[in-house]
């Protein structure tokens, strides 16, 4: 089974990568917000504002924190009404 692959597009201290999850096809992976205190969550998009992910180390995000992340993304022009929240079983 082929493993996921990724590489930095420019510098290693800039969160702009090309990643492949399914074979030879690569897509943009832009980390535009990162909790630098403990790296517990990040906001990630594709090459434009049509894709948005809230990534977290834990399956549960504090509701207040989730609200702040969504507000931050909305302020940057993302259509946060289209977010899909995936339930996680612990």
PDB file of N, CA and C in Angstrom:
ATOM      1  N   UNK A   1       0.843  -1.182   0.000  1.00  0.00           N
ATOM      2  CA  UNK A   1       0.000   0.000   0.000  1.00  0.00           C
ATOM      3  C   UNK A   1       0.892   1.251   0.000  1.00  0.00           C
ATOM      4  N   UNK A   2       0.610   2.160  -0.877  1.00  0.00           N
ATOM      5  CA  UNK A   2       1.391   3.385  -0.966  1.00  0.00           C
ATOM      6  C   UNK A   2       1.060   4.317   0.182  1.00  0.00           C
ATOM      7  N   UNK A   3       2.087   4.916   0.731  1.00  0.00           N
ATOM      8  CA  UNK A   3       1.903   5.828   1.864  1.00  0.00           C
ATOM      9  C   UNK A   3       1.590   7.223   1.376  1.00  0.00           C
ATOM     10  N   UNK A   4       0.983   8.004   2.237  1.00  0.00           N
ATOM     11  CA  UNK A   4       0.749   9.417   1.945  1.00  0.00           C
ATOM     12  C   UNK A   4       2.086  10.105   1.760  1.00  0.00           C
ATOM     13  N   UNK A   5       2.099  11.104   0.876  1.00  0.00           N
ATOM     14  CA  UNK A   5       3.334  11.828   0.604  1.00  0.00           C
ATOM     15  C   UNK A   5       3.057  13.320   0.662  1.00  0.00           C
ATOM     16  N   UNK A   6       4.069  14.084   0.999  1.00  0.00           N
ATOM     17  CA  UNK A   6       3.930  15.528   1.009  1.00  0.00           C
ATOM     18  C   UNK A   6       5.289  16.184   0.953  1.00  0.00           C
ATOM     19  N   UNK A   7       5.289  17.398   0.465  1.00  0.00           N
ATOM     20  CA  UNK A   7       6.532  18.165   0.445  1.00  0.00           C
ATOM     21  C   UNK A   7       6.213  19.646   0.542  1.00  0.00           C
ATOM     22  N   UNK A   8       7.160  20.405   1.067  1.00  0.00           N
ATOM     23  CA  UNK A   8       7.006  21.852   1.173  1.00  0.00           C
ATOM     24  C   UNK A   8       7.162  22.468  -0.213  1.00  0.00           C
ATOM     25  N   UNK A   9       6.313  23.431  -0.534  1.00  0.00           N
ATOM     26  CA  UNK A   9       6.374  24.094  -1.827  1.00  0.00           C
ATOM     27  C   UNK A   9       7.522  25.090  -1.872  1.00  0.00           C
ATOM     28  N   UNK A  10       7.722  25.803  -0.793  1.00  0.00           N
ATOM     29  CA  UNK A  10       8.746  26.842  -0.777  1.00  0.00           C
ATOM     30  C   UNK A  10       9.700  26.568   0.377  1.00  0.00           C
ATOM     31  N   UNK A  11       9.476  27.229   1.477  1.00  0.00           N
ATOM     32  CA  UNK A  11      10.346  27.092   2.647  1.00  0.00           C
ATOM     33  C   UNK A  11       9.714  26.164   3.673  1.00  0.00           C
ATOM     34  N   UNK A  12      10.534  25.543   4.479  1.00  0.00           N
ATOM     35  CA  UNK A  12      10.034  24.618   5.502  1.00  0.00           C
ATOM     36  C   UNK A  12       9.384  25.306   6.680  1.00  0.00           C
ATOM     37  N   UNK A  13       9.519  26.634   6.787  1.00  0.00           N
ATOM     38  CA  UNK A  13       8.873  27.360   7.880  1.00  0.00           C
ATOM     39  C   UNK A  13       7.587  28.045   7.423  1.00  0.00           C
ATOM     40  N   UNK A  14       7.099  27.691   6.237  1.00  0.00           N
ATOM     41  CA  UNK A  14       5.846  28.216   5.701  1.00  0.00           C
ATOM     42  C   UNK A  14       4.911  27.034   5.476  1.00  0.00           C
ATOM     43  N   UNK A  15       3.702  27.099   6.019  1.00  0.00           N
ATOM     44  CA  UNK A  15       2.755  25.991   5.953  1.00  0.00           C
ATOM     45  C   UNK A  15       2.061  25.852   4.607  1.00  0.00           C
ATOM     46  N   UNK A  16       2.830  25.773   3.527  1.00  0.00           N
ATOM     47  CA  UNK A  16       2.263  25.566   2.195  1.00  0.00           C
ATOM     48  C   UNK A  16       2.910  24.314   1.619  1.00  0.00           C
ATOM     49  N   UNK A  17       2.094  23.279   1.506  1.00  0.00           N
ATOM     50  CA  UNK A  17       2.598  21.988   1.058  1.00  0.00           C
ATOM     51  C   UNK A  17       1.804  21.473  -0.128  1.00  0.00           C
ATOM     52  N   UNK A  18       2.368  20.506  -0.796  1.00  0.00           N
ATOM     53  CA  UNK A  18       1.653  19.691  -1.772  1.00  0.00           C
ATOM     54  C   UNK A  18       1.593  18.308  -1.144  1.00  0.00           C
ATOM     55  N   UNK A  19       0.398  17.725  -1.100  1.00  0.00           N
ATOM     56  CA  UNK A  19       0.243  16.416  -0.471  1.00  0.00           C
ATOM     57  C   UNK A  19      -0.485  15.467  -1.408  1.00  0.00           C
ATOM     58  N   UNK A  20      -0.207  14.199  -1.236  1.00  0.00           N
ATOM     59  CA  UNK A  20      -0.878  13.158  -1.996  1.00  0.00           C
ATOM     60  C   UNK A  20      -1.384  12.106  -1.025  1.00  0.00           C
ATOM     61  N   UNK A  21      -2.671  11.874  -1.071  1.00  0.00           N
ATOM     62  CA  UNK A  21      -3.276  10.834  -0.247  1.00  0.00           C
ATOM     63  C   UNK A  21      -3.655   9.611  -1.078  1.00  0.00           C
ATOM     64  N   UNK A  22      -3.752   9.803  -2.398  1.00  0.00           N
ATOM     65  CA  UNK A  22      -4.211   8.746  -3.292  1.00  0.00           C
ATOM     66  C   UNK A  22      -3.331   8.672  -4.537  1.00  0.00           C
ATOM     67  N   UNK A  23      -2.178   8.105  -4.392  1.00  0.00           N
ATOM     68  CA  UNK A  23      -1.338   7.865  -5.560  1.00  0.00           C
ATOM     69  C   UNK A  23      -0.589   9.074  -6.064  1.00  0.00           C
ATOM     70  N   UNK A  24      -0.509   9.198  -7.387  1.00  0.00           N
ATOM     71  CA  UNK A  24       0.378  10.208  -7.970  1.00  0.00           C
ATOM     72  C   UNK A  24      -0.200  11.619  -8.021  1.00  0.00           C
ATOM     73  N   UNK A  25      -1.393  11.827  -7.529  1.00  0.00           N
ATOM     74  CA  UNK A  25      -2.053  13.126  -7.633  1.00  0.00           C
ATOM     75  C   UNK A  25      -1.797  13.959  -6.378  1.00  0.00           C
ATOM     76  N   UNK A  26      -1.278  15.167  -6.562  1.00  0.00           N
ATOM     77  CA  UNK A  26      -0.956  16.057  -5.451  1.00  0.00           C
ATOM     78  C   UNK A  26      -1.914  17.236  -5.418  1.00  0.00           C
ATOM     79  N   UNK A  27      -2.233  17.698  -4.226  1.00  0.00           N
ATOM     80  CA  UNK A  27      -3.081  18.867  -4.049  1.00  0.00           C
ATOM     81  C   UNK A  27      -2.474  19.826  -3.052  1.00  0.00           C
ATOM     82  N   UNK A  28      -2.927  21.076  -3.128  1.00  0.00           N
ATOM     83  CA  UNK A  28      -2.439  22.094  -2.192  1.00  0.00           C
ATOM     84  C   UNK A  28      -2.964  21.831  -0.792  1.00  0.00           C
ATOM     85  N   UNK A  29      -2.150  22.121   0.179  1.00  0.00           N
ATOM     86  CA  UNK A  29      -2.465  21.945   1.591  1.00  0.00           C
ATOM     87  C   UNK A  29      -1.858  23.147   2.298  1.00  0.00           C
ATOM     88  N   UNK A  30      -2.703  24.142   2.588  1.00  0.00           N
ATOM     89  CA  UNK A  30      -2.227  25.407   3.137  1.00  0.00           C
ATOM     90  C   UNK A  30      -2.652  25.518   4.604  1.00  0.00           C
ATOM     91  N   UNK A  31      -1.687  25.511   5.495  1.00  0.00           N
ATOM     92  CA  UNK A  31      -1.959  25.690   6.921  1.00  0.00           C
ATOM     93  C   UNK A  31      -1.941  27.190   7.176  1.00  0.00           C
ATOM     94  N   UNK A  32      -3.133  27.780   7.311  1.00  0.00           N
ATOM     95  CA  UNK A  32      -3.174  29.236   7.442  1.00  0.00           C
ATOM     96  C   UNK A  32      -3.402  29.708   8.875  1.00  0.00           C
ATOM     97  N   UNK A  33      -3.679  28.787   9.767  1.00  0.00           N
ATOM     98  CA  UNK A  33      -3.733  29.134  11.192  1.00  0.00           C
ATOM     99  C   UNK A  33      -3.327  27.907  11.987  1.00  0.00           C
ATOM    100  N   UNK A  34      -2.448  28.105  12.953  1.00  0.00           N
ATOM    101  CA  UNK A  34      -1.956  27.012  13.769  1.00  0.00           C
ATOM    102  C   UNK A  34      -1.853  27.463  15.213  1.00  0.00           C
ATOM    103  N   UNK A  35      -2.391  26.662  16.122  1.00  0.00           N
ATOM    104  CA  UNK A  35      -2.224  26.918  17.542  1.00  0.00           C
ATOM    105  C   UNK A  35      -0.786  26.578  17.892  1.00  0.00           C
ATOM    106  N   UNK A  36       0.044  27.608  18.041  1.00  0.00           N
ATOM    107  CA  UNK A  36       1.475  27.392  18.268  1.00  0.00           C
ATOM    108  C   UNK A  36       1.816  27.068  19.710  1.00  0.00           C
ATOM    109  N   UNK A  37       0.850  27.230  20.605  1.00  0.00           N
ATOM    110  CA  UNK A  37       1.108  26.940  22.012  1.00  0.00           C
ATOM    111  C   UNK A  37       1.343  25.455  22.227  1.00  0.00           C
ATOM    112  N   UNK A  38       0.454  24.623  21.701  1.00  0.00           N
ATOM    113  CA  UNK A  38       0.623  23.179  21.853  1.00  0.00           C
ATOM    114  C   UNK A  38       0.213  22.405  20.596  1.00  0.00           C
ATOM    115  N   UNK A  39       0.078  23.118  19.482  1.00  0.00           N
ATOM    116  CA  UNK A  39      -0.252  22.498  18.188  1.00  0.00           C
ATOM    117  C   UNK A  39      -1.482  21.600  18.277  1.00  0.00           C
ATOM    118  N   UNK A  40      -2.487  22.041  19.024  1.00  0.00           N
ATOM    119  CA  UNK A  40      -3.663  21.209  19.237  1.00  0.00           C
ATOM    120  C   UNK A  40      -4.689  21.312  18.118  1.00  0.00           C
ATOM    121  N   UNK A  41      -4.628  22.370  17.321  1.00  0.00           N
ATOM    122  CA  UNK A  41      -5.563  22.495  16.201  1.00  0.00           C
ATOM    123  C   UNK A  41      -4.979  23.417  15.133  1.00  0.00           C
ATOM    124  N   UNK A  42      -5.547  23.267  13.934  1.00  0.00           N
ATOM    125  CA  UNK A  42      -5.093  24.075  12.802  1.00  0.00           C
ATOM    126  C   UNK A  42      -6.262  24.302  11.857  1.00  0.00           C
ATOM    127  N   UNK A  43      -6.197  25.392  11.114  1.00  0.00           N
ATOM    128  CA  UNK A  43      -7.118  25.650  10.009  1.00  0.00           C
ATOM    129  C   UNK A  43      -6.334  25.429   8.724  1.00  0.00           C
ATOM    130  N   UNK A  44      -6.887  24.607   7.843  1.00  0.00           N
ATOM    131  CA  UNK A  44      -6.199  24.218   6.616  1.00  0.00           C
ATOM    132  C   UNK A  44      -7.158  24.396   5.449  1.00  0.00           C
ATOM    133  N   UNK A  45      -6.617  24.877   4.330  1.00  0.00           N
ATOM    134  CA  UNK A  45      -7.439  25.006   3.123  1.00  0.00           C
ATOM    135  C   UNK A  45      -6.693  24.438   1.928  1.00  0.00           C
ATOM    136  N   UNK A  46      -7.380  24.393   0.812  1.00  0.00           N
ATOM    137  CA  UNK A  46      -6.771  23.980  -0.447  1.00  0.00           C
ATOM    138  C   UNK A  46      -6.208  25.204  -1.150  1.00  0.00           C
ATOM    139  N   UNK A  47      -6.180  25.176  -2.480  1.00  0.00           N
ATOM    140  CA  UNK A  47      -5.581  26.282  -3.225  1.00  0.00           C
ATOM    141  C   UNK A  47      -6.415  27.556  -3.210  1.00  0.00           C
ATOM    142  N   UNK A  48      -7.674  27.427  -2.795  1.00  0.00           N
ATOM    143  CA  UNK A  48      -8.551  28.590  -2.714  1.00  0.00           C
ATOM    144  C   UNK A  48      -9.466  28.410  -1.505  1.00  0.00           C
ATOM    145  N   UNK A  49     -10.525  29.161  -1.434  1.00  0.00           N
ATOM    146  CA  UNK A  49     -11.397  29.114  -0.250  1.00  0.00           C
ATOM    147  C   UNK A  49     -12.579  28.159  -0.397  1.00  0.00           C
ATOM    148  N   UNK A  50     -12.495  27.245  -1.361  1.00  0.00           N
ATOM    149  CA  UNK A  50     -13.588  26.291  -1.533  1.00  0.00           C
ATOM    150  C   UNK A  50     -13.440  25.065  -0.633  1.00  0.00           C
ATOM    151  N   UNK A  51     -12.279  24.866  -0.033  1.00  0.00           N
ATOM    152  CA  UNK A  51     -12.055  23.766   0.897  1.00  0.00           C
ATOM    153  C   UNK A  51     -11.522  24.323   2.211  1.00  0.00           C
ATOM    154  N   UNK A  52     -12.046  23.805   3.304  1.00  0.00           N
ATOM    155  CA  UNK A  52     -11.621  24.229   4.637  1.00  0.00           C
ATOM    156  C   UNK A  52     -11.724  23.035   5.576  1.00  0.00           C
ATOM    157  N   UNK A  53     -10.655  22.830   6.342  1.00  0.00           N
ATOM    158  CA  UNK A  53     -10.656  21.782   7.355  1.00  0.00           C
ATOM    159  C   UNK A  53     -10.239  22.377   8.687  1.00  0.00           C
ATOM    160  N   UNK A  54     -10.896  21.937   9.742  1.00  0.00           N
ATOM    161  CA  UNK A  54     -10.443  22.212  11.100  1.00  0.00           C
ATOM    162  C   UNK A  54      -9.831  20.899  11.571  1.00  0.00           C
ATOM    163  N   UNK A  55      -8.542  20.909  11.775  1.00  0.00           N
ATOM    164  CA  UNK A  55      -7.845  19.699  12.208  1.00  0.00           C
ATOM    165  C   UNK A  55      -7.471  19.831  13.678  1.00  0.00           C
ATOM    166  N   UNK A  56      -7.598  18.738  14.406  1.00  0.00           N
ATOM    167  CA  UNK A  56      -7.298  18.764  15.834  1.00  0.00           C
ATOM    168  C   UNK A  56      -6.636  17.460  16.245  1.00  0.00           C
ATOM    169  N   UNK A  57      -5.831  17.537  17.276  1.00  0.00           N
ATOM    170  CA  UNK A  57      -5.181  16.331  17.814  1.00  0.00           C
ATOM    171  C   UNK A  57      -6.169  15.469  18.588  1.00  0.00           C
ATOM    172  N   UNK A  58      -7.197  16.089  19.101  1.00  0.00           N
ATOM    173  CA  UNK A  58      -8.211  15.391  19.886  1.00  0.00           C
ATOM    174  C   UNK A  58      -9.488  15.264  19.062  1.00  0.00           C
ATOM    175  N   UNK A  59     -10.266  14.246  19.328  1.00  0.00           N
ATOM    176  CA  UNK A  59     -11.532  14.080  18.611  1.00  0.00           C
ATOM    177  C   UNK A  59     -12.591  15.081  19.076  1.00  0.00           C
ATOM    178  N   UNK A  60     -12.361  15.726  20.211  1.00  0.00           N
ATOM    179  CA  UNK A  60     -13.283  16.732  20.714  1.00  0.00           C
ATOM    180  C   UNK A  60     -12.586  18.076  20.822  1.00  0.00           C
ATOM    181  N   UNK A  61     -13.254  19.121  20.342  1.00  0.00           N
ATOM    182  CA  UNK A  61     -12.745  20.486  20.470  1.00  0.00           C
ATOM    183  C   UNK A  61     -13.712  21.237  21.368  1.00  0.00           C
ATOM    184  N   UNK A  62     -13.184  21.971  22.313  1.00  0.00           N
ATOM    185  CA  UNK A  62     -14.001  22.823  23.166  1.00  0.00           C
ATOM    186  C   UNK A  62     -14.914  23.686  22.289  1.00  0.00           C
ATOM    187  N   UNK A  63     -16.181  23.783  22.640  1.00  0.00           N
ATOM    188  CA  UNK A  63     -17.147  24.534  21.827  1.00  0.00           C
ATOM    189  C   UNK A  63     -16.747  25.994  21.634  1.00  0.00           C
ATOM    190  N   UNK A  64     -16.219  26.616  22.673  1.00  0.00           N
ATOM    191  CA  UNK A  64     -15.768  27.996  22.558  1.00  0.00           C
ATOM    192  C   UNK A  64     -14.615  28.125  21.574  1.00  0.00           C
ATOM    193  N   UNK A  65     -13.687  27.171  21.630  1.00  0.00           N
ATOM    194  CA  UNK A  65     -12.549  27.183  20.709  1.00  0.00           C
ATOM    195  C   UNK A  65     -13.009  26.933  19.282  1.00  0.00           C
ATOM    196  N   UNK A  66     -13.937  25.992  19.114  1.00  0.00           N
ATOM    197  CA  UNK A  66     -14.461  25.717  17.773  1.00  0.00           C
ATOM    198  C   UNK A  66     -15.133  26.967  17.206  1.00  0.00           C
ATOM    199  N   UNK A  67     -15.881  27.674  18.037  1.00  0.00           N
ATOM    200  CA  UNK A  67     -16.542  28.907  17.598  1.00  0.00           C
ATOM    201  C   UNK A  67     -15.503  29.937  17.159  1.00  0.00           C
ATOM    202  N   UNK A  68     -14.421  30.090  17.926  1.00  0.00           N
ATOM    203  CA  UNK A  68     -13.364  31.050  17.562  1.00  0.00           C
ATOM    204  C   UNK A  68     -12.702  30.668  16.238  1.00  0.00           C
ATOM    205  N   UNK A  69     -12.456  29.389  16.027  1.00  0.00           N
ATOM    206  CA  UNK A  69     -11.846  28.930  14.776  1.00  0.00           C
ATOM    207  C   UNK A  69     -12.758  29.199  13.581  1.00  0.00           C
ATOM    208  N   UNK A  70     -14.038  28.907  13.749  1.00  0.00           N
ATOM    209  CA  UNK A  70     -15.003  29.143  12.671  1.00  0.00           C
ATOM    210  C   UNK A  70     -15.120  30.637  12.386  1.00  0.00           C
ATOM    211  N   UNK A  71     -15.159  31.451  13.428  1.00  0.00           N
ATOM    212  CA  UNK A  71     -15.230  32.906  13.232  1.00  0.00           C
ATOM    213  C   UNK A  71     -13.989  33.429  12.511  1.00  0.00           C
ATOM    214  N   UNK A  72     -12.821  32.892  12.854  1.00  0.00           N
ATOM    215  CA  UNK A  72     -11.580  33.298  12.195  1.00  0.00           C
ATOM    216  C   UNK A  72     -11.641  32.954  10.699  1.00  0.00           C
ATOM    217  N   UNK A  73     -12.101  31.758  10.382  1.00  0.00           N
ATOM    218  CA  UNK A  73     -12.214  31.347   8.982  1.00  0.00           C
ATOM    219  C   UNK A  73     -13.242  32.202   8.241  1.00  0.00           C
ATOM    220  N   UNK A  74     -14.372  32.480   8.873  1.00  0.00           N
ATOM    221  CA  UNK A  74     -15.411  33.307   8.245  1.00  0.00           C
ATOM    222  C   UNK A  74     -14.882  34.714   7.972  1.00  0.00           C
ATOM    223  N   UNK A  75     -14.129  35.273   8.917  1.00  0.00           N
ATOM    224  CA  UNK A  75     -13.563  36.616   8.741  1.00  0.00           C
ATOM    225  C   UNK A  75     -12.589  36.661   7.564  1.00  0.00           C
ATOM    226  N   UNK A  76     -12.000  35.520   7.235  1.00  0.00           N
ATOM    227  CA  UNK A  76     -11.073  35.449   6.102  1.00  0.00           C
ATOM    228  C   UNK A  76     -11.770  35.114   4.790  1.00  0.00           C
ATOM    229  N   UNK A  77     -13.105  34.994   4.831  1.00  0.00           N
ATOM    230  CA  UNK A  77     -13.872  34.804   3.599  1.00  0.00           C
ATOM    231  C   UNK A  77     -14.305  33.387   3.293  1.00  0.00           C
ATOM    232  N   UNK A  78     -14.128  32.466   4.216  1.00  0.00           N
ATOM    233  CA  UNK A  78     -14.574  31.091   3.991  1.00  0.00           C
ATOM    234  C   UNK A  78     -16.073  30.983   4.271  1.00  0.00           C
ATOM    235  N   UNK A  79     -16.775  30.150   3.486  1.00  0.00           N
ATOM    236  CA  UNK A  79     -18.203  29.925   3.690  1.00  0.00           C
ATOM    237  C   UNK A  79     -18.364  28.858   4.779  1.00  0.00           C
ATOM    238  N   UNK A  80     -18.343  29.283   6.011  1.00  0.00           N
ATOM    239  CA  UNK A  80     -18.380  28.355   7.143  1.00  0.00           C
ATOM    240  C   UNK A  80     -19.750  27.709   7.339  1.00  0.00           C
ATOM    241  N   UNK A  81     -20.778  28.207   6.663  1.00  0.00           N
ATOM    242  CA  UNK A  81     -22.094  27.566   6.741  1.00  0.00           C
ATOM    243  C   UNK A  81     -22.070  26.193   6.070  1.00  0.00           C
ATOM    244  N   UNK A  82     -21.071  25.941   5.242  1.00  0.00           N
ATOM    245  CA  UNK A  82     -20.976  24.671   4.529  1.00  0.00           C
ATOM    246  C   UNK A  82     -20.119  23.638   5.258  1.00  0.00           C
ATOM    247  N   UNK A  83     -19.606  24.004   6.443  1.00  0.00           N
ATOM    248  CA  UNK A  83     -18.794  23.040   7.190  1.00  0.00           C
ATOM    249  C   UNK A  83     -19.608  21.823   7.570  1.00  0.00           C
ATOM    250  N   UNK A  84     -18.969  20.678   7.494  1.00  0.00           N
ATOM    251  CA  UNK A  84     -19.570  19.410   7.882  1.00  0.00           C
ATOM    252  C   UNK A  84     -18.801  18.911   9.110  1.00  0.00           C
ATOM    253  N   UNK A  85     -19.487  18.694  10.196  1.00  0.00           N
ATOM    254  CA  UNK A  85     -18.850  18.221  11.423  1.00  0.00           C
ATOM    255  C   UNK A  85     -19.010  16.711  11.506  1.00  0.00           C
ATOM    256  N   UNK A  86     -17.904  16.007  11.533  1.00  0.00           N
ATOM    257  CA  UNK A  86     -17.906  14.563  11.551  1.00  0.00           C
ATOM    258  C   UNK A  86     -17.912  14.093  12.999  1.00  0.00           C
ATOM    259  N   UNK A  87     -18.883  13.268  13.370  1.00  0.00           N
ATOM    260  CA  UNK A  87     -18.899  12.754  14.741  1.00  0.00           C
ATOM    261  C   UNK A  87     -17.753  11.754  14.941  1.00  0.00           C
ATOM    262  N   UNK A  88     -17.152  11.781  16.115  1.00  0.00           N
ATOM    263  CA  UNK A  88     -16.064  10.871  16.455  1.00  0.00           C
ATOM    264  C   UNK A  88     -16.454  10.094  17.683  1.00  0.00           C
ATOM    265  N   UNK A  89     -16.203   8.805  17.648  1.00  0.00           N
ATOM    266  CA  UNK A  89     -16.416   7.962  18.826  1.00  0.00           C
ATOM    267  C   UNK A  89     -15.099   7.857  19.562  1.00  0.00           C
ATOM    268  N   UNK A  90     -15.148   8.029  20.863  1.00  0.00           N
ATOM    269  CA  UNK A  90     -13.907   7.920  21.656  1.00  0.00           C
ATOM    270  C   UNK A  90     -13.642   6.492  22.043  1.00  0.00           C
TER     271      UNK A  90
END
